């Protein structure tokens, strides 16, 4: 039973990390689009660069949520009970973003398009910030005990939660700018590349503050002191972060984007490795923490889920690789002007 619980904790972490890596560049490109694109055609190019993949990336979010529900139902139930307002705001933001992509080009009106452009920016920024705030509070611990959750929406906006939210925003901003660099051409690509280079500096500052403040505000480093080999995880994250700037300086945007992918993956792994075996620790008393052991499903359920996961997850990965390979070419001005079905 314990092995299955640990296995699903690892899979849970991987699902969230992959989601942030994939949807992170869509969110980042969305809220940075106002700085990257200067006219309607350039905005259409940016939207079409994520058009074939953005909704597919959402599958990883659904899978991560579904895995939480099926593998750790108590955590899922209490999380949605305690953080109902915040999660509802997050859900509405994701809905508006998808609607904005689809509706923007439905009318040839400057006011109409401007409205949806602003909706894309806001509905991309909010999830990036809210996901970071949520995970920051998970890392820090929620004020909960046997009587329930002693907090509200605004109590989540504590210094560490906001700092983690800013980290996610900075990570996704660089990630989205690098994706725009790789998936566009000409002046638009150059502008996105220059923006990624500029944004890396605040990302580095926020990352350093985050690592330092984590030791003060959370107990994440306890696992690292017990098992020093775990320090490999944040070390890879730091090395990948530095590699982003090195590849930018050497004018290798594709490699910089790959380094950004690794950075996001291992930033998430760093936090989750520190959480183990907790899913949501209690900041009041560790006896009330939700762990993989006191909130998991039965052995039978976890066994069935494991079999299903090892069949279908590789299938999804293979499909995603095929899609990204099929649409690997940069989107050009000619593509959006000649294709009437483009966004």
C-alpha atoms as a PDB file:
ATOM      1  CA  UNK A   1       0.000   0.000   0.000  1.00  0.00           C
ATOM      2  CA  UNK A   2       2.762   2.445   0.968  1.00  0.00           C
ATOM      3  CA  UNK A   3       4.536   1.842  -2.343  1.00  0.00           C
ATOM      4  CA  UNK A   4       1.372   2.684  -4.272  1.00  0.00           C
ATOM      5  CA  UNK A   5       0.845   5.861  -2.257  1.00  0.00           C
ATOM      6  CA  UNK A   6       4.415   6.983  -2.925  1.00  0.00           C
ATOM      7  CA  UNK A   7       4.054   6.085  -6.604  1.00  0.00           C
ATOM      8  CA  UNK A   8       0.962   8.261  -6.913  1.00  0.00           C
ATOM      9  CA  UNK A   9       2.625  11.086  -5.041  1.00  0.00           C
ATOM     10  CA  UNK A  10       5.414  11.003  -7.644  1.00  0.00           C
ATOM     11  CA  UNK A  11       2.901  10.819 -10.515  1.00  0.00           C
ATOM     12  CA  UNK A  12       0.911  13.675  -8.952  1.00  0.00           C
ATOM     13  CA  UNK A  13       4.061  15.790  -8.872  1.00  0.00           C
ATOM     14  CA  UNK A  14       4.962  14.924 -12.462  1.00  0.00           C
ATOM     15  CA  UNK A  15       1.486  15.779 -13.740  1.00  0.00           C
ATOM     16  CA  UNK A  16       1.555  19.230 -12.122  1.00  0.00           C
ATOM     17  CA  UNK A  17       5.127  19.901 -13.254  1.00  0.00           C
ATOM     18  CA  UNK A  18       4.372  18.941 -16.858  1.00  0.00           C
ATOM     19  CA  UNK A  19       1.220  21.065 -16.827  1.00  0.00           C
ATOM     20  CA  UNK A  20       3.130  24.137 -15.646  1.00  0.00           C
ATOM     21  CA  UNK A  21       5.858  23.489 -18.215  1.00  0.00           C
ATOM     22  CA  UNK A  22       3.357  23.227 -21.089  1.00  0.00           C
ATOM     23  CA  UNK A  23       0.647  25.711 -20.171  1.00  0.00           C
ATOM     24  CA  UNK A  24       3.244  28.017 -18.642  1.00  0.00           C
ATOM     25  CA  UNK A  25       4.388  29.290 -22.015  1.00  0.00           C
ATOM     26  CA  UNK A  26       0.766  29.822 -23.121  1.00  0.00           C
ATOM     27  CA  UNK A  27      -0.006  31.810 -19.971  1.00  0.00           C
ATOM     28  CA  UNK A  28       3.246  33.745 -20.249  1.00  0.00           C
ATOM     29  CA  UNK A  29       2.731  34.531 -23.913  1.00  0.00           C
ATOM     30  CA  UNK A  30      -0.832  35.576 -23.116  1.00  0.00           C
ATOM     31  CA  UNK A  31      -0.074  38.202 -20.484  1.00  0.00           C
ATOM     32  CA  UNK A  32       3.111  39.353 -22.251  1.00  0.00           C
ATOM     33  CA  UNK A  33       1.391  39.675 -25.632  1.00  0.00           C
ATOM     34  CA  UNK A  34       0.768  43.382 -25.088  1.00  0.00           C
ATOM     35  CA  UNK A  35       4.522  43.957 -24.815  1.00  0.00           C
ATOM     36  CA  UNK A  36       5.532  41.610 -27.638  1.00  0.00           C
ATOM     37  CA  UNK A  37       2.935  42.383 -30.341  1.00  0.00           C
ATOM     38  CA  UNK A  38       2.568  45.908 -31.735  1.00  0.00           C
ATOM     39  CA  UNK A  39      -0.341  45.487 -34.151  1.00  0.00           C
ATOM     40  CA  UNK A  40      -3.299  43.247 -34.940  1.00  0.00           C
ATOM     41  CA  UNK A  41      -1.381  40.969 -37.300  1.00  0.00           C
ATOM     42  CA  UNK A  42       1.348  40.328 -34.734  1.00  0.00           C
ATOM     43  CA  UNK A  43      -1.257  39.540 -32.090  1.00  0.00           C
ATOM     44  CA  UNK A  44      -2.869  37.050 -34.464  1.00  0.00           C
ATOM     45  CA  UNK A  45       0.538  35.459 -35.049  1.00  0.00           C
ATOM     46  CA  UNK A  46       1.084  35.020 -31.313  1.00  0.00           C
ATOM     47  CA  UNK A  47      -2.361  33.515 -30.767  1.00  0.00           C
ATOM     48  CA  UNK A  48      -1.937  31.148 -33.711  1.00  0.00           C
ATOM     49  CA  UNK A  49       1.461  30.055 -32.419  1.00  0.00           C
ATOM     50  CA  UNK A  50      -0.333  28.445 -29.453  1.00  0.00           C
ATOM     51  CA  UNK A  51      -3.583  27.703 -31.293  1.00  0.00           C
ATOM     52  CA  UNK A  52      -2.899  24.010 -32.042  1.00  0.00           C
ATOM     53  CA  UNK A  53      -1.614  23.185 -28.543  1.00  0.00           C
ATOM     54  CA  UNK A  54      -3.125  25.377 -25.822  1.00  0.00           C
ATOM     55  CA  UNK A  55      -6.272  23.311 -25.281  1.00  0.00           C
ATOM     56  CA  UNK A  56      -4.275  20.072 -25.380  1.00  0.00           C
ATOM     57  CA  UNK A  57      -2.055  21.440 -22.623  1.00  0.00           C
ATOM     58  CA  UNK A  58      -5.145  21.789 -20.450  1.00  0.00           C
ATOM     59  CA  UNK A  59      -5.453  17.993 -20.491  1.00  0.00           C
ATOM     60  CA  UNK A  60      -2.552  17.841 -18.039  1.00  0.00           C
ATOM     61  CA  UNK A  61      -4.414  20.142 -15.645  1.00  0.00           C
ATOM     62  CA  UNK A  62      -7.535  17.968 -15.860  1.00  0.00           C
ATOM     63  CA  UNK A  63      -5.402  14.857 -15.356  1.00  0.00           C
ATOM     64  CA  UNK A  64      -3.600  16.387 -12.362  1.00  0.00           C
ATOM     65  CA  UNK A  65      -6.936  17.352 -10.810  1.00  0.00           C
ATOM     66  CA  UNK A  66      -8.406  13.954 -11.623  1.00  0.00           C
ATOM     67  CA  UNK A  67      -5.412  12.180 -10.120  1.00  0.00           C
ATOM     68  CA  UNK A  68      -5.816  14.211  -6.934  1.00  0.00           C
ATOM     69  CA  UNK A  69      -9.518  13.307  -6.806  1.00  0.00           C
ATOM     70  CA  UNK A  70      -8.979   9.596  -7.421  1.00  0.00           C
ATOM     71  CA  UNK A  71      -5.731   8.970  -5.537  1.00  0.00           C
ATOM     72  CA  UNK A  72      -6.141  11.409  -2.634  1.00  0.00           C
ATOM     73  CA  UNK A  73      -9.888  12.127  -2.360  1.00  0.00           C
ATOM     74  CA  UNK A  74      -9.740  13.597   1.158  1.00  0.00           C
ATOM     75  CA  UNK A  75      -7.145  16.163   0.059  1.00  0.00           C
ATOM     76  CA  UNK A  76      -9.207  16.961  -3.038  1.00  0.00           C
ATOM     77  CA  UNK A  77     -12.418  17.427  -1.063  1.00  0.00           C
ATOM     78  CA  UNK A  78     -10.920  19.609   1.664  1.00  0.00           C
ATOM     79  CA  UNK A  79      -8.831  21.638  -0.789  1.00  0.00           C
ATOM     80  CA  UNK A  80     -11.906  22.567  -2.825  1.00  0.00           C
ATOM     81  CA  UNK A  81     -13.808  23.269   0.370  1.00  0.00           C
ATOM     82  CA  UNK A  82     -11.152  25.428   2.000  1.00  0.00           C
ATOM     83  CA  UNK A  83     -10.016  27.255  -1.156  1.00  0.00           C
ATOM     84  CA  UNK A  84     -13.356  27.373  -2.952  1.00  0.00           C
ATOM     85  CA  UNK A  85     -13.337  31.091  -3.825  1.00  0.00           C
ATOM     86  CA  UNK A  86      -9.720  31.101  -5.017  1.00  0.00           C
ATOM     87  CA  UNK A  87     -10.187  27.981  -7.132  1.00  0.00           C
ATOM     88  CA  UNK A  88     -13.426  29.329  -8.597  1.00  0.00           C
ATOM     89  CA  UNK A  89     -11.601  32.531  -9.607  1.00  0.00           C
ATOM     90  CA  UNK A  90      -8.888  30.386 -11.178  1.00  0.00           C
ATOM     91  CA  UNK A  91     -11.456  28.321 -13.077  1.00  0.00           C
ATOM     92  CA  UNK A  92     -13.260  31.401 -14.399  1.00  0.00           C
ATOM     93  CA  UNK A  93      -9.932  32.857 -15.553  1.00  0.00           C
ATOM     94  CA  UNK A  94      -9.094  29.725 -17.536  1.00  0.00           C
ATOM     95  CA  UNK A  95     -12.573  29.713 -19.090  1.00  0.00           C
ATOM     96  CA  UNK A  96     -12.285  33.368 -20.136  1.00  0.00           C
ATOM     97  CA  UNK A  97      -8.867  32.730 -21.661  1.00  0.00           C
ATOM     98  CA  UNK A  98     -10.189  29.934 -23.862  1.00  0.00           C
ATOM     99  CA  UNK A  99     -13.211  31.987 -24.903  1.00  0.00           C
ATOM    100  CA  UNK A 100     -10.963  34.966 -25.679  1.00  0.00           C
ATOM    101  CA  UNK A 101      -8.809  32.934 -28.070  1.00  0.00           C
ATOM    102  CA  UNK A 102     -11.877  31.715 -29.930  1.00  0.00           C
ATOM    103  CA  UNK A 103     -13.967  34.919 -29.950  1.00  0.00           C
ATOM    104  CA  UNK A 104     -11.303  37.525 -30.730  1.00  0.00           C
ATOM    105  CA  UNK A 105     -11.441  37.059 -34.492  1.00  0.00           C
ATOM    106  CA  UNK A 106     -15.203  36.676 -34.797  1.00  0.00           C
ATOM    107  CA  UNK A 107     -15.798  40.359 -35.595  1.00  0.00           C
ATOM    108  CA  UNK A 108     -13.782  42.902 -37.566  1.00  0.00           C
ATOM    109  CA  UNK A 109     -14.099  45.564 -34.915  1.00  0.00           C
ATOM    110  CA  UNK A 110     -11.177  47.317 -33.232  1.00  0.00           C
ATOM    111  CA  UNK A 111     -13.148  47.732 -29.999  1.00  0.00           C
ATOM    112  CA  UNK A 112     -14.186  44.054 -30.026  1.00  0.00           C
ATOM    113  CA  UNK A 113     -10.614  42.847 -30.575  1.00  0.00           C
ATOM    114  CA  UNK A 114      -9.180  45.254 -28.012  1.00  0.00           C
ATOM    115  CA  UNK A 115     -11.612  43.960 -25.422  1.00  0.00           C
ATOM    116  CA  UNK A 116     -10.660  40.345 -26.032  1.00  0.00           C
ATOM    117  CA  UNK A 117      -6.947  41.253 -26.137  1.00  0.00           C
ATOM    118  CA  UNK A 118      -7.299  42.698 -22.648  1.00  0.00           C
ATOM    119  CA  UNK A 119      -9.247  39.611 -21.582  1.00  0.00           C
ATOM    120  CA  UNK A 120      -6.401  37.390 -22.818  1.00  0.00           C
ATOM    121  CA  UNK A 121      -3.861  39.403 -20.816  1.00  0.00           C
ATOM    122  CA  UNK A 122      -5.885  39.383 -17.584  1.00  0.00           C
ATOM    123  CA  UNK A 123      -7.086  35.775 -17.868  1.00  0.00           C
ATOM    124  CA  UNK A 124      -3.518  34.615 -18.519  1.00  0.00           C
ATOM    125  CA  UNK A 125      -1.941  36.644 -15.714  1.00  0.00           C
ATOM    126  CA  UNK A 126      -4.434  35.629 -13.017  1.00  0.00           C
ATOM    127  CA  UNK A 127      -3.920  31.824 -13.342  1.00  0.00           C
ATOM    128  CA  UNK A 128      -0.140  32.269 -13.332  1.00  0.00           C
ATOM    129  CA  UNK A 129      -0.341  34.321 -10.141  1.00  0.00           C
ATOM    130  CA  UNK A 130      -3.049  32.205  -8.478  1.00  0.00           C
ATOM    131  CA  UNK A 131      -1.304  28.900  -9.159  1.00  0.00           C
ATOM    132  CA  UNK A 132       1.837  30.312  -7.569  1.00  0.00           C
ATOM    133  CA  UNK A 133      -0.066  31.683  -4.573  1.00  0.00           C
ATOM    134  CA  UNK A 134      -1.835  28.333  -4.121  1.00  0.00           C
ATOM    135  CA  UNK A 135       1.346  26.269  -4.218  1.00  0.00           C
ATOM    136  CA  UNK A 136       3.118  28.794  -2.003  1.00  0.00           C
ATOM    137  CA  UNK A 137       0.437  28.280   0.624  1.00  0.00           C
ATOM    138  CA  UNK A 138       0.665  24.503   0.215  1.00  0.00           C
ATOM    139  CA  UNK A 139       4.423  24.736   0.799  1.00  0.00           C
ATOM    140  CA  UNK A 140       3.888  27.010   3.807  1.00  0.00           C
ATOM    141  CA  UNK A 141       0.924  25.124   5.228  1.00  0.00           C
ATOM    142  CA  UNK A 142      -2.695  26.113   5.724  1.00  0.00           C
ATOM    143  CA  UNK A 143      -4.173  27.083   9.119  1.00  0.00           C
ATOM    144  CA  UNK A 144      -6.339  24.003   9.552  1.00  0.00           C
ATOM    145  CA  UNK A 145      -7.170  21.681  12.415  1.00  0.00           C
ATOM    146  CA  UNK A 146      -9.851  19.200  13.393  1.00  0.00           C
ATOM    147  CA  UNK A 147     -12.545  21.885  13.148  1.00  0.00           C
ATOM    148  CA  UNK A 148     -11.560  22.903   9.611  1.00  0.00           C
ATOM    149  CA  UNK A 149      -9.818  25.755   7.818  1.00  0.00           C
ATOM    150  CA  UNK A 150      -9.222  29.003   9.723  1.00  0.00           C
ATOM    151  CA  UNK A 151      -8.614  31.370   6.855  1.00  0.00           C
ATOM    152  CA  UNK A 152     -10.088  32.948   3.754  1.00  0.00           C
ATOM    153  CA  UNK A 153      -9.214  34.259   0.335  1.00  0.00           C
ATOM    154  CA  UNK A 154      -7.179  37.182   1.638  1.00  0.00           C
ATOM    155  CA  UNK A 155      -5.272  35.094   4.155  1.00  0.00           C
ATOM    156  CA  UNK A 156      -3.763  33.292   1.171  1.00  0.00           C
ATOM    157  CA  UNK A 157      -2.190  36.592   0.124  1.00  0.00           C
ATOM    158  CA  UNK A 158       0.534  36.337   2.735  1.00  0.00           C
ATOM    159  CA  UNK A 159       4.124  37.392   1.911  1.00  0.00           C
ATOM    160  CA  UNK A 160       5.318  33.883   1.019  1.00  0.00           C
ATOM    161  CA  UNK A 161       2.228  33.116  -1.059  1.00  0.00           C
ATOM    162  CA  UNK A 162       2.615  36.371  -2.990  1.00  0.00           C
ATOM    163  CA  UNK A 163       6.345  35.712  -3.464  1.00  0.00           C
ATOM    164  CA  UNK A 164       5.628  32.266  -4.917  1.00  0.00           C
ATOM    165  CA  UNK A 165       2.978  33.833  -7.155  1.00  0.00           C
ATOM    166  CA  UNK A 166       5.553  36.347  -8.429  1.00  0.00           C
ATOM    167  CA  UNK A 167       7.994  33.497  -9.052  1.00  0.00           C
ATOM    168  CA  UNK A 168       5.440  31.709 -11.220  1.00  0.00           C
ATOM    169  CA  UNK A 169       4.635  34.938 -13.084  1.00  0.00           C
ATOM    170  CA  UNK A 170       8.322  35.602 -13.787  1.00  0.00           C
ATOM    171  CA  UNK A 171       8.961  31.993 -14.830  1.00  0.00           C
ATOM    172  CA  UNK A 172       6.019  31.996 -17.222  1.00  0.00           C
ATOM    173  CA  UNK A 173       6.874  35.457 -18.593  1.00  0.00           C
ATOM    174  CA  UNK A 174      10.349  34.299 -19.625  1.00  0.00           C
ATOM    175  CA  UNK A 175       8.974  30.942 -20.797  1.00  0.00           C
ATOM    176  CA  UNK A 176       6.291  32.574 -22.968  1.00  0.00           C
ATOM    177  CA  UNK A 177       8.712  35.126 -24.435  1.00  0.00           C
ATOM    178  CA  UNK A 178      11.134  32.371 -25.433  1.00  0.00           C
ATOM    179  CA  UNK A 179       8.306  30.345 -26.970  1.00  0.00           C
ATOM    180  CA  UNK A 180       7.273  33.416 -28.982  1.00  0.00           C
ATOM    181  CA  UNK A 181      10.882  33.792 -30.095  1.00  0.00           C
ATOM    182  CA  UNK A 182      11.018  30.233 -31.403  1.00  0.00           C
ATOM    183  CA  UNK A 183       7.538  30.202 -32.964  1.00  0.00           C
ATOM    184  CA  UNK A 184       7.639  33.547 -34.792  1.00  0.00           C
ATOM    185  CA  UNK A 185       9.938  35.234 -37.256  1.00  0.00           C
ATOM    186  CA  UNK A 186      11.457  38.609 -38.052  1.00  0.00           C
ATOM    187  CA  UNK A 187      11.014  41.659 -35.853  1.00  0.00           C
ATOM    188  CA  UNK A 188       8.370  39.972 -33.712  1.00  0.00           C
ATOM    189  CA  UNK A 189      10.757  37.146 -32.829  1.00  0.00           C
ATOM    190  CA  UNK A 190      13.600  39.580 -32.119  1.00  0.00           C
ATOM    191  CA  UNK A 191      11.372  41.680 -29.851  1.00  0.00           C
ATOM    192  CA  UNK A 192      10.303  38.604 -27.876  1.00  0.00           C
ATOM    193  CA  UNK A 193      13.919  37.462 -27.550  1.00  0.00           C
ATOM    194  CA  UNK A 194      15.031  40.852 -26.248  1.00  0.00           C
ATOM    195  CA  UNK A 195      12.157  40.803 -23.757  1.00  0.00           C
ATOM    196  CA  UNK A 196      13.148  37.341 -22.510  1.00  0.00           C
ATOM    197  CA  UNK A 197      16.689  38.573 -21.932  1.00  0.00           C
ATOM    198  CA  UNK A 198      15.398  41.558 -19.970  1.00  0.00           C
ATOM    199  CA  UNK A 199      12.913  39.515 -17.906  1.00  0.00           C
ATOM    200  CA  UNK A 200      15.550  36.989 -16.845  1.00  0.00           C
ATOM    201  CA  UNK A 201      17.062  39.494 -14.403  1.00  0.00           C
ATOM    202  CA  UNK A 202      13.914  39.987 -12.252  1.00  0.00           C
ATOM    203  CA  UNK A 203      13.336  36.218 -12.491  1.00  0.00           C
ATOM    204  CA  UNK A 204      16.779  35.595 -11.001  1.00  0.00           C
ATOM    205  CA  UNK A 205      16.182  38.091  -8.206  1.00  0.00           C
ATOM    206  CA  UNK A 206      12.777  36.632  -7.304  1.00  0.00           C
ATOM    207  CA  UNK A 207      14.181  33.070  -7.456  1.00  0.00           C
ATOM    208  CA  UNK A 208      17.028  33.911  -5.067  1.00  0.00           C
ATOM    209  CA  UNK A 209      14.655  35.623  -2.614  1.00  0.00           C
ATOM    210  CA  UNK A 210      12.257  32.667  -2.895  1.00  0.00           C
ATOM    211  CA  UNK A 211      14.956  30.103  -2.067  1.00  0.00           C
ATOM    212  CA  UNK A 212      16.149  32.163   0.900  1.00  0.00           C
ATOM    213  CA  UNK A 213      12.667  32.947   2.249  1.00  0.00           C
ATOM    214  CA  UNK A 214      11.564  29.315   1.873  1.00  0.00           C
ATOM    215  CA  UNK A 215      13.988  28.353   4.634  1.00  0.00           C
ATOM    216  CA  UNK A 216      12.324  30.882   6.938  1.00  0.00           C
ATOM    217  CA  UNK A 217       8.642  30.528   6.025  1.00  0.00           C
ATOM    218  CA  UNK A 218       8.345  26.783   5.415  1.00  0.00           C
ATOM    219  CA  UNK A 219       9.657  23.413   6.508  1.00  0.00           C
ATOM    220  CA  UNK A 220      10.482  22.302   2.969  1.00  0.00           C
ATOM    221  CA  UNK A 221      14.193  22.028   3.660  1.00  0.00           C
ATOM    222  CA  UNK A 222      13.698  19.463   6.458  1.00  0.00           C
ATOM    223  CA  UNK A 223      13.553  16.635   3.914  1.00  0.00           C
ATOM    224  CA  UNK A 224      16.688  17.988   2.244  1.00  0.00           C
ATOM    225  CA  UNK A 225      18.669  17.946   5.493  1.00  0.00           C
ATOM    226  CA  UNK A 226      17.476  14.395   6.195  1.00  0.00           C
ATOM    227  CA  UNK A 227      18.398  13.226   2.682  1.00  0.00           C
ATOM    228  CA  UNK A 228      21.094  15.557   1.250  1.00  0.00           C
ATOM    229  CA  UNK A 229      20.917  13.750  -2.101  1.00  0.00           C
ATOM    230  CA  UNK A 230      17.682  15.677  -2.692  1.00  0.00           C
ATOM    231  CA  UNK A 231      19.711  18.867  -3.096  1.00  0.00           C
ATOM    232  CA  UNK A 232      20.355  17.611  -6.639  1.00  0.00           C
ATOM    233  CA  UNK A 233      16.799  18.686  -7.507  1.00  0.00           C
ATOM    234  CA  UNK A 234      17.115  22.432  -6.685  1.00  0.00           C
ATOM    235  CA  UNK A 235      20.677  22.367  -8.054  1.00  0.00           C
ATOM    236  CA  UNK A 236      19.361  21.267 -11.456  1.00  0.00           C
ATOM    237  CA  UNK A 237      16.742  24.026 -11.271  1.00  0.00           C
ATOM    238  CA  UNK A 238      19.425  26.648 -10.562  1.00  0.00           C
ATOM    239  CA  UNK A 239      21.713  25.330 -13.299  1.00  0.00           C
ATOM    240  CA  UNK A 240      18.853  25.353 -15.803  1.00  0.00           C
ATOM    241  CA  UNK A 241      17.944  28.916 -14.786  1.00  0.00           C
ATOM    242  CA  UNK A 242      21.527  30.068 -15.409  1.00  0.00           C
ATOM    243  CA  UNK A 243      21.586  28.113 -18.680  1.00  0.00           C
ATOM    244  CA  UNK A 244      18.612  30.149 -19.944  1.00  0.00           C
ATOM    245  CA  UNK A 245      20.652  33.339 -19.856  1.00  0.00           C
ATOM    246  CA  UNK A 246      23.759  31.646 -21.247  1.00  0.00           C
ATOM    247  CA  UNK A 247      21.810  30.400 -24.265  1.00  0.00           C
ATOM    248  CA  UNK A 248      20.148  33.804 -24.694  1.00  0.00           C
ATOM    249  CA  UNK A 249      23.538  35.525 -24.728  1.00  0.00           C
ATOM    250  CA  UNK A 250      24.868  32.996 -27.248  1.00  0.00           C
ATOM    251  CA  UNK A 251      21.755  33.561 -29.412  1.00  0.00           C
ATOM    252  CA  UNK A 252      20.336  30.049 -29.092  1.00  0.00           C
ATOM    253  CA  UNK A 253      16.634  30.624 -28.390  1.00  0.00           C
ATOM    254  CA  UNK A 254      15.530  27.004 -28.834  1.00  0.00           C
ATOM    255  CA  UNK A 255      18.057  25.794 -26.286  1.00  0.00           C
ATOM    256  CA  UNK A 256      17.077  28.656 -23.984  1.00  0.00           C
ATOM    257  CA  UNK A 257      13.453  27.532 -24.231  1.00  0.00           C
ATOM    258  CA  UNK A 258      14.466  23.947 -23.447  1.00  0.00           C
ATOM    259  CA  UNK A 259      16.385  25.202 -20.403  1.00  0.00           C
ATOM    260  CA  UNK A 260      13.284  27.129 -19.348  1.00  0.00           C
ATOM    261  CA  UNK A 261      11.260  23.901 -19.554  1.00  0.00           C
ATOM    262  CA  UNK A 262      13.769  22.155 -17.288  1.00  0.00           C
ATOM    263  CA  UNK A 263      13.739  25.098 -14.872  1.00  0.00           C
ATOM    264  CA  UNK A 264       9.963  24.975 -14.418  1.00  0.00           C
ATOM    265  CA  UNK A 265       9.942  21.194 -14.028  1.00  0.00           C
ATOM    266  CA  UNK A 266      12.598  21.201 -11.313  1.00  0.00           C
ATOM    267  CA  UNK A 267      11.251  24.246  -9.489  1.00  0.00           C
ATOM    268  CA  UNK A 268       8.026  22.266  -9.002  1.00  0.00           C
ATOM    269  CA  UNK A 269       9.969  19.117  -8.090  1.00  0.00           C
ATOM    270  CA  UNK A 270      11.960  21.142  -5.544  1.00  0.00           C
ATOM    271  CA  UNK A 271       8.810  22.180  -3.731  1.00  0.00           C
ATOM    272  CA  UNK A 272       7.129  18.785  -3.917  1.00  0.00           C
ATOM    273  CA  UNK A 273      10.240  16.934  -2.703  1.00  0.00           C
ATOM    274  CA  UNK A 274      10.204  19.187   0.344  1.00  0.00           C
ATOM    275  CA  UNK A 275       6.499  18.532   0.935  1.00  0.00           C
ATOM    276  CA  UNK A 276       6.731  14.726   1.056  1.00  0.00           C
ATOM    277  CA  UNK A 277       4.819  12.964   2.518  1.00  0.00           C
ATOM    278  CA  UNK A 278       2.497  15.935   2.956  1.00  0.00           C
ATOM    279  CA  UNK A 279       0.066  17.133   0.337  1.00  0.00           C
ATOM    280  CA  UNK A 280      -1.219  20.075   2.370  1.00  0.00           C
ATOM    281  CA  UNK A 281       0.586  20.555   5.688  1.00  0.00           C
ATOM    282  CA  UNK A 282      -1.137  22.233   8.622  1.00  0.00           C
ATOM    283  CA  UNK A 283       0.499  25.391   9.925  1.00  0.00           C
ATOM    284  CA  UNK A 284      -1.270  24.888  13.275  1.00  0.00           C
ATOM    285  CA  UNK A 285      -0.213  21.338  14.115  1.00  0.00           C
ATOM    286  CA  UNK A 286       1.388  18.671  11.910  1.00  0.00           C
ATOM    287  CA  UNK A 287      -1.126  16.179  13.337  1.00  0.00           C
ATOM    288  CA  UNK A 288      -3.762  17.829  11.131  1.00  0.00           C
ATOM    289  CA  UNK A 289      -1.694  17.761   7.923  1.00  0.00           C
ATOM    290  CA  UNK A 290      -3.109  16.016   4.874  1.00  0.00           C
ATOM    291  CA  UNK A 291      -0.587  13.418   3.768  1.00  0.00           C
ATOM    292  CA  UNK A 292      -0.401  10.713   1.133  1.00  0.00           C
ATOM    293  CA  UNK A 293      -1.043   8.195   3.905  1.00  0.00           C
ATOM    294  CA  UNK A 294      -4.099   9.672   5.645  1.00  0.00           C
ATOM    295  CA  UNK A 295      -5.912  10.913   2.544  1.00  0.00           C
ATOM    296  CA  UNK A 296      -5.318   8.248  -0.089  1.00  0.00           C
ATOM    297  CA  UNK A 297      -7.766   5.893  -1.736  1.00  0.00           C
ATOM    298  CA  UNK A 298      -7.853   2.162  -1.089  1.00  0.00           C
ATOM    299  CA  UNK A 299      -5.171  -0.197  -2.344  1.00  0.00           C
ATOM    300  CA  UNK A 300      -7.600  -1.611  -4.916  1.00  0.00           C
ATOM    301  CA  UNK A 301      -8.336   1.863  -6.335  1.00  0.00           C
ATOM    302  CA  UNK A 302      -4.664   2.818  -6.469  1.00  0.00           C
ATOM    303  CA  UNK A 303      -3.796  -0.482  -8.171  1.00  0.00           C
ATOM    304  CA  UNK A 304      -6.414   0.022 -10.893  1.00  0.00           C
ATOM    305  CA  UNK A 305      -5.287   3.622 -11.357  1.00  0.00           C
ATOM    306  CA  UNK A 306      -1.649   2.553 -11.678  1.00  0.00           C
ATOM    307  CA  UNK A 307      -2.461   0.068 -14.440  1.00  0.00           C
ATOM    308  CA  UNK A 308      -4.554   2.660 -16.304  1.00  0.00           C
ATOM    309  CA  UNK A 309      -1.864   5.325 -15.899  1.00  0.00           C
ATOM    310  CA  UNK A 310       0.918   3.138 -17.285  1.00  0.00           C
ATOM    311  CA  UNK A 311      -1.227   2.404 -20.333  1.00  0.00           C
ATOM    312  CA  UNK A 312      -2.633   5.827 -21.159  1.00  0.00           C
ATOM    313  CA  UNK A 313      -0.002   8.327 -19.948  1.00  0.00           C
ATOM    314  CA  UNK A 314       2.579   7.091 -22.504  1.00  0.00           C
ATOM    315  CA  UNK A 315      -0.172   7.315 -25.141  1.00  0.00           C
ATOM    316  CA  UNK A 316      -0.871  10.939 -24.230  1.00  0.00           C
ATOM    317  CA  UNK A 317       2.853  11.740 -24.241  1.00  0.00           C
ATOM    318  CA  UNK A 318       3.274  10.158 -27.684  1.00  0.00           C
ATOM    319  CA  UNK A 319       0.308  12.149 -28.986  1.00  0.00           C
ATOM    320  CA  UNK A 320       1.689  15.414 -27.586  1.00  0.00           C
ATOM    321  CA  UNK A 321       5.084  14.758 -29.165  1.00  0.00           C
ATOM    322  CA  UNK A 322       3.382  14.142 -32.511  1.00  0.00           C
ATOM    323  CA  UNK A 323       1.340  17.360 -32.245  1.00  0.00           C
ATOM    324  CA  UNK A 324       4.327  19.532 -31.336  1.00  0.00           C
ATOM    325  CA  UNK A 325       6.378  17.967 -34.120  1.00  0.00           C
ATOM    326  CA  UNK A 326       3.551  18.491 -36.639  1.00  0.00           C
ATOM    327  CA  UNK A 327       3.233  22.190 -35.742  1.00  0.00           C
ATOM    328  CA  UNK A 328       6.925  22.826 -35.112  1.00  0.00           C
ATOM    329  CA  UNK A 329       7.340  25.430 -37.866  1.00  0.00           C
ATOM    330  CA  UNK A 330       7.201  29.125 -36.873  1.00  0.00           C
ATOM    331  CA  UNK A 331       3.981  31.020 -37.622  1.00  0.00           C
ATOM    332  CA  UNK A 332       4.486  33.761 -40.200  1.00  0.00           C
ATOM    333  CA  UNK A 333       2.477  36.792 -41.260  1.00  0.00           C
ATOM    334  CA  UNK A 334       1.563  35.022 -44.471  1.00  0.00           C
ATOM    335  CA  UNK A 335       0.126  32.080 -42.512  1.00  0.00           C
ATOM    336  CA  UNK A 336      -2.430  34.196 -40.652  1.00  0.00           C
ATOM    337  CA  UNK A 337      -3.325  36.484 -43.550  1.00  0.00           C
ATOM    338  CA  UNK A 338      -3.947  33.685 -46.041  1.00  0.00           C
ATOM    339  CA  UNK A 339      -5.646  31.261 -43.678  1.00  0.00           C
ATOM    340  CA  UNK A 340      -9.236  32.341 -43.023  1.00  0.00           C
ATOM    341  CA  UNK A 341      -9.574  29.735 -40.259  1.00  0.00           C
ATOM    342  CA  UNK A 342      -6.700  31.245 -38.284  1.00  0.00           C
ATOM    343  CA  UNK A 343      -7.506  32.942 -34.985  1.00  0.00           C
END
